[in-house]
Amino acid sequence: MSAVLQVPPASAELAVAHFAARLAFETDCSDVAADLGAGVDGWVLIDTRSQESWDQGHVPGAIHLPTREIAARAATVVPAGAAVVTYCWGPACNGATKAALEFARLGHPVKEMLGGFEYWSREGLPVETADGVTRRPVDPLVAPRGVACAC
């Protein structure tokens, strides 16, 4: 018997609803980078990590707003009507989820950036510190050189 098909796949109708819903809540590093590079507005990127983490490096253009400060400061850093994209450390961290929940409670449309800062930097995307903007080497396990995901 198939381990994959031991639980049958959902119907196409249920699958459409499920995957469309996931995309309504999530985005990825590549899409965030594309929008930032093109100067697309209407949304803000929020880094929810601690000050020490932010200082180690963050996405250029992100706003630093630790999760514990969202309720008190969101109105001062997020323009009215703007969608919010949250990120934290990476896939093993639920900080972006906690932050997204806080923004949703405040009435903001919100998405999480899958992979967080870990995958942002592992994909060789720009990282900003007090010393300026740099790019770290691409990790070939997440973004093979010369190969585009094209998703």
N, C-alpha and C. Protein backbone atom coordinates (compact mmCIF):
# COMPACT_ATOMS: atom_id res chain seq x y z
N MET A 1 0.83 -1.18 0.00
CA MET A 1 0.00 0.00 0.00
C MET A 1 0.88 1.25 0.00
N SER A 2 0.42 2.28 -0.64
CA SER A 2 1.15 3.53 -0.75
C SER A 2 1.11 4.31 0.55
N ALA A 3 2.28 4.71 1.04
CA ALA A 3 2.33 5.59 2.20
C ALA A 3 1.78 6.96 1.85
N VAL A 4 1.99 7.41 0.63
CA VAL A 4 1.50 8.71 0.17
C VAL A 4 -0.02 8.71 0.08
N LEU A 5 -0.58 7.64 -0.46
CA LEU A 5 -2.02 7.62 -0.72
C LEU A 5 -2.83 6.91 0.36
N GLN A 6 -2.17 6.56 1.49
CA GLN A 6 -2.90 5.93 2.59
C GLN A 6 -4.06 6.83 3.02
N VAL A 7 -3.83 8.12 3.06
CA VAL A 7 -4.91 9.10 3.23
C VAL A 7 -5.10 9.70 1.84
N PRO A 8 -6.25 9.50 1.23
CA PRO A 8 -6.46 9.96 -0.14
C PRO A 8 -6.33 11.48 -0.26
N PRO A 9 -5.87 11.97 -1.40
CA PRO A 9 -5.79 13.41 -1.61
C PRO A 9 -7.18 14.04 -1.57
N ALA A 10 -7.22 15.30 -1.24
CA ALA A 10 -8.48 16.05 -1.24
C ALA A 10 -9.00 16.19 -2.66
N SER A 11 -10.27 16.45 -2.77
CA SER A 11 -10.84 16.72 -4.09
C SER A 11 -10.22 17.98 -4.65
N ALA A 12 -10.29 18.15 -5.94
CA ALA A 12 -9.75 19.35 -6.58
C ALA A 12 -10.41 20.60 -6.00
N GLU A 13 -11.70 20.55 -5.75
CA GLU A 13 -12.41 21.71 -5.20
C GLU A 13 -11.85 22.10 -3.82
N LEU A 14 -11.65 21.10 -2.95
CA LEU A 14 -11.08 21.39 -1.64
C LEU A 14 -9.63 21.85 -1.76
N ALA A 15 -8.89 21.27 -2.68
CA ALA A 15 -7.50 21.66 -2.87
C ALA A 15 -7.41 23.12 -3.33
N VAL A 16 -8.26 23.54 -4.23
CA VAL A 16 -8.27 24.93 -4.68
C VAL A 16 -8.52 25.85 -3.49
N ALA A 17 -9.50 25.55 -2.69
CA ALA A 17 -9.81 26.38 -1.52
C ALA A 17 -8.63 26.42 -0.54
N HIS A 18 -8.03 25.28 -0.29
CA HIS A 18 -6.92 25.20 0.65
C HIS A 18 -5.71 26.01 0.17
N PHE A 19 -5.28 25.76 -1.07
CA PHE A 19 -4.07 26.43 -1.55
C PHE A 19 -4.28 27.91 -1.81
N ALA A 20 -5.47 28.29 -2.23
CA ALA A 20 -5.77 29.72 -2.39
C ALA A 20 -5.73 30.41 -1.03
N ALA A 21 -6.25 29.75 -0.01
CA ALA A 21 -6.22 30.32 1.33
C ALA A 21 -4.78 30.47 1.83
N ARG A 22 -3.96 29.47 1.60
CA ARG A 22 -2.56 29.57 2.03
C ARG A 22 -1.88 30.77 1.39
N LEU A 23 -2.11 30.97 0.09
CA LEU A 23 -1.48 32.09 -0.60
C LEU A 23 -2.01 33.43 -0.12
N ALA A 24 -3.19 33.46 0.45
CA ALA A 24 -3.73 34.69 1.01
C ALA A 24 -3.01 35.06 2.31
N PHE A 25 -2.36 34.08 2.95
CA PHE A 25 -1.69 34.31 4.23
C PHE A 25 -0.17 34.34 4.13
N GLU A 26 0.39 33.88 3.00
CA GLU A 26 1.84 33.71 2.89
C GLU A 26 2.39 34.34 1.62
N THR A 27 3.64 34.77 1.71
CA THR A 27 4.41 35.18 0.54
C THR A 27 5.81 34.62 0.76
N ASP A 28 6.70 34.81 -0.20
CA ASP A 28 8.04 34.27 -0.01
C ASP A 28 9.10 35.34 -0.24
N CYS A 29 10.34 35.00 0.06
CA CYS A 29 11.44 35.94 -0.04
C CYS A 29 11.60 36.50 -1.45
N SER A 30 11.46 35.66 -2.45
CA SER A 30 11.63 36.11 -3.83
C SER A 30 10.59 37.14 -4.22
N ASP A 31 9.33 36.92 -3.83
CA ASP A 31 8.28 37.88 -4.15
C ASP A 31 8.47 39.18 -3.39
N VAL A 32 8.89 39.11 -2.14
CA VAL A 32 9.18 40.31 -1.37
C VAL A 32 10.33 41.08 -2.03
N ALA A 33 11.40 40.37 -2.39
CA ALA A 33 12.54 41.02 -3.04
C ALA A 33 12.14 41.67 -4.36
N ALA A 34 11.29 40.99 -5.13
CA ALA A 34 10.86 41.55 -6.41
C ALA A 34 10.08 42.85 -6.20
N ASP A 35 9.16 42.85 -5.25
CA ASP A 35 8.38 44.06 -4.97
C ASP A 35 9.27 45.18 -4.43
N LEU A 36 10.16 44.86 -3.51
CA LEU A 36 11.05 45.89 -2.98
C LEU A 36 11.92 46.47 -4.08
N GLY A 37 12.45 45.60 -4.95
CA GLY A 37 13.29 46.06 -6.04
C GLY A 37 12.56 46.91 -7.06
N ALA A 38 11.27 46.65 -7.23
CA ALA A 38 10.47 47.41 -8.20
C ALA A 38 9.81 48.63 -7.57
N GLY A 39 9.99 48.80 -6.26
CA GLY A 39 9.38 49.94 -5.58
C GLY A 39 7.87 49.88 -5.47
N VAL A 40 7.33 48.65 -5.44
CA VAL A 40 5.89 48.48 -5.31
C VAL A 40 5.46 48.96 -3.93
N ASP A 41 4.40 49.74 -3.88
CA ASP A 41 3.92 50.23 -2.59
C ASP A 41 2.60 49.58 -2.22
N GLY A 42 2.01 50.03 -1.13
CA GLY A 42 0.74 49.46 -0.65
C GLY A 42 0.93 48.43 0.44
N TRP A 43 2.18 48.13 0.78
CA TRP A 43 2.45 47.19 1.84
C TRP A 43 3.76 47.57 2.53
N VAL A 44 3.93 47.10 3.77
CA VAL A 44 5.16 47.34 4.52
C VAL A 44 5.69 46.01 5.04
N LEU A 45 7.00 45.94 5.12
CA LEU A 45 7.68 44.74 5.61
C LEU A 45 8.11 45.00 7.05
N ILE A 46 7.68 44.13 7.95
CA ILE A 46 7.96 44.29 9.38
C ILE A 46 8.87 43.17 9.87
N ASP A 47 10.03 43.56 10.41
CA ASP A 47 10.95 42.63 11.06
C ASP A 47 10.55 42.60 12.53
N THR A 48 10.14 41.43 13.01
CA THR A 48 9.57 41.30 14.34
C THR A 48 10.59 40.86 15.40
N ARG A 49 11.85 40.78 15.02
CA ARG A 49 12.87 40.24 15.92
C ARG A 49 13.35 41.29 16.93
N SER A 50 14.20 40.86 17.83
CA SER A 50 14.77 41.73 18.86
C SER A 50 15.73 42.75 18.24
N GLN A 51 16.10 43.75 19.02
CA GLN A 51 17.06 44.75 18.56
C GLN A 51 18.39 44.10 18.20
N GLU A 52 18.83 43.15 19.03
CA GLU A 52 20.11 42.47 18.77
C GLU A 52 20.07 41.71 17.45
N SER A 53 18.95 41.07 17.17
CA SER A 53 18.80 40.34 15.92
C SER A 53 18.79 41.30 14.73
N TRP A 54 18.02 42.37 14.85
CA TRP A 54 17.96 43.41 13.81
C TRP A 54 19.36 43.92 13.50
N ASP A 55 20.14 44.19 14.56
CA ASP A 55 21.49 44.73 14.38
C ASP A 55 22.41 43.76 13.66
N GLN A 56 22.17 42.45 13.80
CA GLN A 56 22.99 41.45 13.09
C GLN A 56 22.76 41.50 11.59
N GLY A 57 21.61 42.00 11.19
CA GLY A 57 21.27 42.10 9.77
C GLY A 57 19.78 41.99 9.58
N HIS A 58 19.28 42.73 8.59
CA HIS A 58 17.85 42.73 8.29
C HIS A 58 17.65 43.03 6.82
N VAL A 59 16.42 42.87 6.38
CA VAL A 59 16.07 43.15 4.98
C VAL A 59 16.07 44.67 4.79
N PRO A 60 16.82 45.18 3.81
CA PRO A 60 16.78 46.62 3.55
C PRO A 60 15.35 47.06 3.23
N GLY A 61 14.94 48.14 3.86
CA GLY A 61 13.59 48.64 3.66
C GLY A 61 12.58 48.13 4.68
N ALA A 62 12.99 47.15 5.48
CA ALA A 62 12.09 46.63 6.51
C ALA A 62 11.98 47.65 7.64
N ILE A 63 10.88 47.56 8.36
CA ILE A 63 10.66 48.36 9.56
C ILE A 63 10.84 47.44 10.75
N HIS A 64 11.62 47.90 11.72
CA HIS A 64 11.85 47.09 12.92
C HIS A 64 10.74 47.35 13.92
N LEU A 65 9.96 46.33 14.20
CA LEU A 65 8.87 46.43 15.17
C LEU A 65 8.71 45.08 15.86
N PRO A 66 9.42 44.89 16.98
CA PRO A 66 9.31 43.61 17.69
C PRO A 66 7.86 43.30 18.06
N THR A 67 7.52 42.05 18.05
CA THR A 67 6.14 41.61 18.29
C THR A 67 5.55 42.22 19.55
N ARG A 68 6.31 42.25 20.62
CA ARG A 68 5.78 42.76 21.89
C ARG A 68 5.43 44.25 21.82
N GLU A 69 5.88 44.97 20.79
CA GLU A 69 5.61 46.40 20.65
C GLU A 69 4.53 46.72 19.62
N ILE A 70 4.01 45.72 18.92
CA ILE A 70 3.08 45.97 17.83
C ILE A 70 1.83 46.71 18.29
N ALA A 71 1.19 46.25 19.34
CA ALA A 71 -0.06 46.87 19.79
C ALA A 71 0.15 48.35 20.09
N ALA A 72 1.27 48.70 20.69
CA ALA A 72 1.51 50.08 21.09
C ALA A 72 2.01 50.96 19.95
N ARG A 73 2.75 50.40 18.99
CA ARG A 73 3.43 51.24 17.99
C ARG A 73 2.96 51.08 16.56
N ALA A 74 2.14 50.09 16.26
CA ALA A 74 1.77 49.83 14.86
C ALA A 74 1.19 51.07 14.19
N ALA A 75 0.34 51.81 14.86
CA ALA A 75 -0.31 52.97 14.25
C ALA A 75 0.70 54.05 13.86
N THR A 76 1.87 54.07 14.50
CA THR A 76 2.87 55.09 14.20
C THR A 76 3.83 54.68 13.08
N VAL A 77 3.88 53.38 12.74
CA VAL A 77 4.83 52.94 11.71
C VAL A 77 4.19 52.30 10.48
N VAL A 78 2.92 51.95 10.57
CA VAL A 78 2.23 51.32 9.44
C VAL A 78 1.21 52.30 8.89
N PRO A 79 1.36 52.72 7.63
CA PRO A 79 0.38 53.66 7.06
C PRO A 79 -1.02 53.05 7.04
N ALA A 80 -2.01 53.88 7.26
CA ALA A 80 -3.40 53.41 7.22
C ALA A 80 -3.68 52.77 5.87
N GLY A 81 -4.33 51.62 5.90
CA GLY A 81 -4.70 50.92 4.68
C GLY A 81 -3.62 50.05 4.07
N ALA A 82 -2.39 50.13 4.59
CA ALA A 82 -1.31 49.32 4.03
C ALA A 82 -1.40 47.89 4.53
N ALA A 83 -1.10 46.96 3.64
CA ALA A 83 -0.97 45.56 4.04
C ALA A 83 0.38 45.41 4.75
N VAL A 84 0.47 44.40 5.58
CA VAL A 84 1.68 44.14 6.35
C VAL A 84 2.21 42.76 5.98
N VAL A 85 3.54 42.67 5.83
CA VAL A 85 4.22 41.38 5.68
C VAL A 85 5.18 41.27 6.85
N THR A 86 5.05 40.19 7.60
CA THR A 86 5.90 39.99 8.77
C THR A 86 6.97 38.94 8.49
N TYR A 87 8.13 39.13 9.14
CA TYR A 87 9.13 38.07 9.14
C TYR A 87 9.85 38.05 10.47
N CYS A 88 10.38 36.87 10.78
CA CYS A 88 11.18 36.65 11.98
C CYS A 88 12.44 35.91 11.54
N TRP A 89 12.96 35.00 12.37
CA TRP A 89 14.21 34.33 12.02
C TRP A 89 14.09 33.35 10.86
N GLY A 90 13.18 32.39 10.94
CA GLY A 90 13.15 31.38 9.90
C GLY A 90 12.04 30.39 10.12
N PRO A 91 12.07 29.30 9.35
CA PRO A 91 10.99 28.33 9.39
C PRO A 91 10.79 27.65 10.74
N ALA A 92 11.81 27.61 11.57
CA ALA A 92 11.67 26.96 12.87
C ALA A 92 11.21 27.94 13.94
N CYS A 93 10.86 29.15 13.53
CA CYS A 93 10.45 30.19 14.46
C CYS A 93 9.03 30.62 14.12
N ASN A 94 8.17 30.76 15.13
CA ASN A 94 6.81 31.20 14.86
C ASN A 94 6.59 32.67 15.20
N GLY A 95 7.67 33.42 15.33
CA GLY A 95 7.57 34.84 15.64
C GLY A 95 6.79 35.63 14.61
N ALA A 96 6.98 35.32 13.33
CA ALA A 96 6.22 36.04 12.29
C ALA A 96 4.74 35.72 12.38
N THR A 97 4.41 34.50 12.78
CA THR A 97 3.01 34.12 12.95
C THR A 97 2.39 34.89 14.11
N LYS A 98 3.11 34.97 15.21
CA LYS A 98 2.61 35.73 16.37
C LYS A 98 2.41 37.20 16.00
N ALA A 99 3.36 37.76 15.26
CA ALA A 99 3.25 39.16 14.84
C ALA A 99 2.09 39.35 13.87
N ALA A 100 1.93 38.43 12.94
CA ALA A 100 0.81 38.52 11.99
C ALA A 100 -0.52 38.51 12.73
N LEU A 101 -0.62 37.68 13.75
CA LEU A 101 -1.83 37.64 14.56
C LEU A 101 -2.09 38.99 15.23
N GLU A 102 -1.05 39.61 15.75
CA GLU A 102 -1.21 40.92 16.39
C GLU A 102 -1.69 41.97 15.38
N PHE A 103 -1.10 41.97 14.19
CA PHE A 103 -1.55 42.92 13.16
C PHE A 103 -2.99 42.66 12.75
N ALA A 104 -3.34 41.40 12.59
CA ALA A 104 -4.72 41.05 12.23
C ALA A 104 -5.69 41.52 13.31
N ARG A 105 -5.31 41.36 14.56
CA ARG A 105 -6.17 41.82 15.66
C ARG A 105 -6.38 43.33 15.62
N LEU A 106 -5.40 44.04 15.04
CA LEU A 106 -5.51 45.50 14.91
C LEU A 106 -6.25 45.90 13.63
N GLY A 107 -6.65 44.89 12.84
CA GLY A 107 -7.43 45.17 11.64
C GLY A 107 -6.62 45.31 10.36
N HIS A 108 -5.34 44.97 10.38
CA HIS A 108 -4.50 45.08 9.19
C HIS A 108 -4.57 43.81 8.33
N PRO A 109 -4.63 43.96 7.02
CA PRO A 109 -4.42 42.78 6.17
C PRO A 109 -2.95 42.38 6.31
N VAL A 110 -2.69 41.10 6.44
CA VAL A 110 -1.33 40.67 6.78
C VAL A 110 -0.98 39.34 6.14
N LYS A 111 0.31 39.21 5.80
CA LYS A 111 0.89 37.96 5.31
C LYS A 111 2.21 37.72 6.04
N GLU A 112 2.63 36.46 6.07
CA GLU A 112 3.95 36.10 6.57
C GLU A 112 4.89 35.87 5.39
N MET A 113 6.16 36.25 5.57
CA MET A 113 7.18 35.93 4.58
C MET A 113 7.79 34.58 4.96
N LEU A 114 7.47 33.56 4.16
CA LEU A 114 7.99 32.21 4.42
C LEU A 114 9.52 32.21 4.41
N GLY A 115 10.10 31.45 5.32
CA GLY A 115 11.55 31.32 5.37
C GLY A 115 12.21 32.35 6.25
N GLY A 116 11.56 33.49 6.46
CA GLY A 116 12.08 34.53 7.33
C GLY A 116 13.45 35.03 6.90
N PHE A 117 14.12 35.67 7.86
CA PHE A 117 15.43 36.24 7.56
C PHE A 117 16.45 35.17 7.18
N GLU A 118 16.30 33.98 7.74
CA GLU A 118 17.23 32.90 7.41
C GLU A 118 17.27 32.64 5.91
N TYR A 119 16.10 32.44 5.31
CA TYR A 119 16.08 32.12 3.90
C TYR A 119 16.35 33.36 3.04
N TRP A 120 15.99 34.53 3.53
CA TRP A 120 16.34 35.76 2.82
C TRP A 120 17.86 35.81 2.62
N SER A 121 18.59 35.63 3.70
CA SER A 121 20.04 35.71 3.61
C SER A 121 20.64 34.50 2.90
N ARG A 122 20.07 33.32 3.09
CA ARG A 122 20.60 32.12 2.42
C ARG A 122 20.41 32.18 0.92
N GLU A 123 19.41 32.93 0.46
CA GLU A 123 19.20 33.09 -0.98
C GLU A 123 20.09 34.17 -1.58
N GLY A 124 20.96 34.77 -0.76
CA GLY A 124 21.90 35.76 -1.26
C GLY A 124 21.27 37.12 -1.52
N LEU A 125 20.12 37.38 -0.90
CA LEU A 125 19.46 38.67 -1.07
C LEU A 125 20.14 39.71 -0.18
N PRO A 126 19.95 40.99 -0.46
CA PRO A 126 20.67 42.02 0.29
C PRO A 126 20.34 42.02 1.78
N VAL A 127 21.38 42.21 2.58
CA VAL A 127 21.26 42.27 4.04
C VAL A 127 21.87 43.59 4.48
N GLU A 128 21.12 44.31 5.32
CA GLU A 128 21.59 45.60 5.81
C GLU A 128 22.01 45.51 7.27
N THR A 129 23.15 46.12 7.59
CA THR A 129 23.63 46.27 8.96
C THR A 129 24.07 47.73 9.11
N ALA A 130 24.61 48.06 10.26
CA ALA A 130 25.13 49.42 10.48
C ALA A 130 26.28 49.73 9.53
N ASP A 131 26.94 48.70 9.02
CA ASP A 131 28.06 48.88 8.10
C ASP A 131 27.63 49.05 6.64
N GLY A 132 26.35 48.92 6.36
CA GLY A 132 25.86 49.07 5.00
C GLY A 132 25.14 47.81 4.53
N VAL A 133 24.94 47.76 3.21
CA VAL A 133 24.22 46.63 2.60
C VAL A 133 25.21 45.70 1.95
N THR A 134 25.06 44.40 2.26
CA THR A 134 25.92 43.38 1.66
C THR A 134 25.05 42.23 1.17
N ARG A 135 25.66 41.30 0.48
CA ARG A 135 25.00 40.06 0.10
C ARG A 135 25.88 38.92 0.58
N ARG A 136 25.25 37.99 1.22
CA ARG A 136 25.98 36.81 1.68
C ARG A 136 26.00 35.78 0.55
N PRO A 137 26.93 34.84 0.60
CA PRO A 137 26.96 33.82 -0.46
C PRO A 137 25.65 33.05 -0.54
N VAL A 138 25.26 32.70 -1.74
CA VAL A 138 24.05 31.91 -1.95
C VAL A 138 24.28 30.49 -1.46
N ASP A 139 23.35 29.98 -0.68
CA ASP A 139 23.39 28.59 -0.23
C ASP A 139 22.84 27.75 -1.38
N PRO A 140 23.64 26.90 -2.00
CA PRO A 140 23.15 26.13 -3.16
C PRO A 140 22.02 25.16 -2.85
N LEU A 141 21.77 24.90 -1.56
CA LEU A 141 20.64 24.03 -1.21
C LEU A 141 19.30 24.76 -1.28
N VAL A 142 19.33 26.09 -1.23
CA VAL A 142 18.07 26.85 -1.28
C VAL A 142 17.93 27.65 -2.56
N ALA A 143 19.03 28.00 -3.19
CA ALA A 143 18.98 28.80 -4.42
C ALA A 143 20.19 28.45 -5.27
N PRO A 144 20.12 27.34 -5.97
CA PRO A 144 21.28 26.91 -6.76
C PRO A 144 21.73 27.99 -7.74
N ARG A 145 23.02 28.20 -7.82
CA ARG A 145 23.58 29.21 -8.74
C ARG A 145 23.20 28.88 -10.18
N GLY A 146 22.76 29.91 -10.87
CA GLY A 146 22.46 29.75 -12.29
C GLY A 146 21.14 29.07 -12.58
N VAL A 147 20.38 28.70 -11.53
CA VAL A 147 19.11 28.03 -11.73
C VAL A 147 18.02 28.90 -11.11
N ALA A 148 17.04 29.25 -11.91
CA ALA A 148 15.93 30.04 -11.38
C ALA A 148 14.76 29.13 -11.04
N CYS A 149 14.13 29.41 -9.93
CA CYS A 149 12.95 28.65 -9.53
C CYS A 149 11.83 28.90 -10.53
N ALA A 150 11.68 30.16 -10.95
CA ALA A 150 10.68 30.57 -11.93
C ALA A 150 9.26 30.24 -11.47
N CYS A 151 9.07 30.26 -10.16
CA CYS A 151 7.71 29.99 -9.65
C CYS A 151 6.97 31.28 -9.51
